[in-house]
Amino acid sequence: MFFRLLAAAVLSAGFLPAPGAAQTAGDTPPQLFMELNAMRDVGGACRLTFVARNATGAAIEQAVFETVVFDTSGGVVSLSLFDFRDLPADRPRVRQFDLPGMTCDTVGQTLINGASSCIVDGAESDICDTTLMLGSRIEVELLG
């Protein structure tokens, strides 16, 4: 008897609308998406290529992120400020950064430690931290 009630509850749950199911695509939360897209050895450096998509609804005039690079054993190799410059609303941008004296096969992970500077409408904003979503297209993780 218990199993029949459980099965009925599970089946009927599929017919009830989930909370937030009525949301439309326009209701998606604002997002600054950053993807580690590629790495390539270039002239004695490892070049990191990022794709940024600003879906926050606001033009970001300047975005600078504190970025930490770890080697394959987990040790910190560098802590740098990566200047992504301007990130217009609803337009993708590709930005590249070189890690001098490193080969890409020694890079284990990359961490976005937070925004060092984020300028929106001429003033500092927290939008670069509060809406940041990270991903990686390659084996090296992009953490945050």
Foldseek 3Di string as FASTA:
>chain_A
DVVVVVVVVVVVVVVDDDVPNPDDPVPDAWAWEKEQEDWADDDQWIKTKIKIAGQHPFKWQWWWFFKWWAFQVGHTDDTDIDIPGIHGHGDMDMDMDIGHNDGPNGTAEMERPATPAIDTPRDGDRCCPPRYDYYYPDNHYYHD
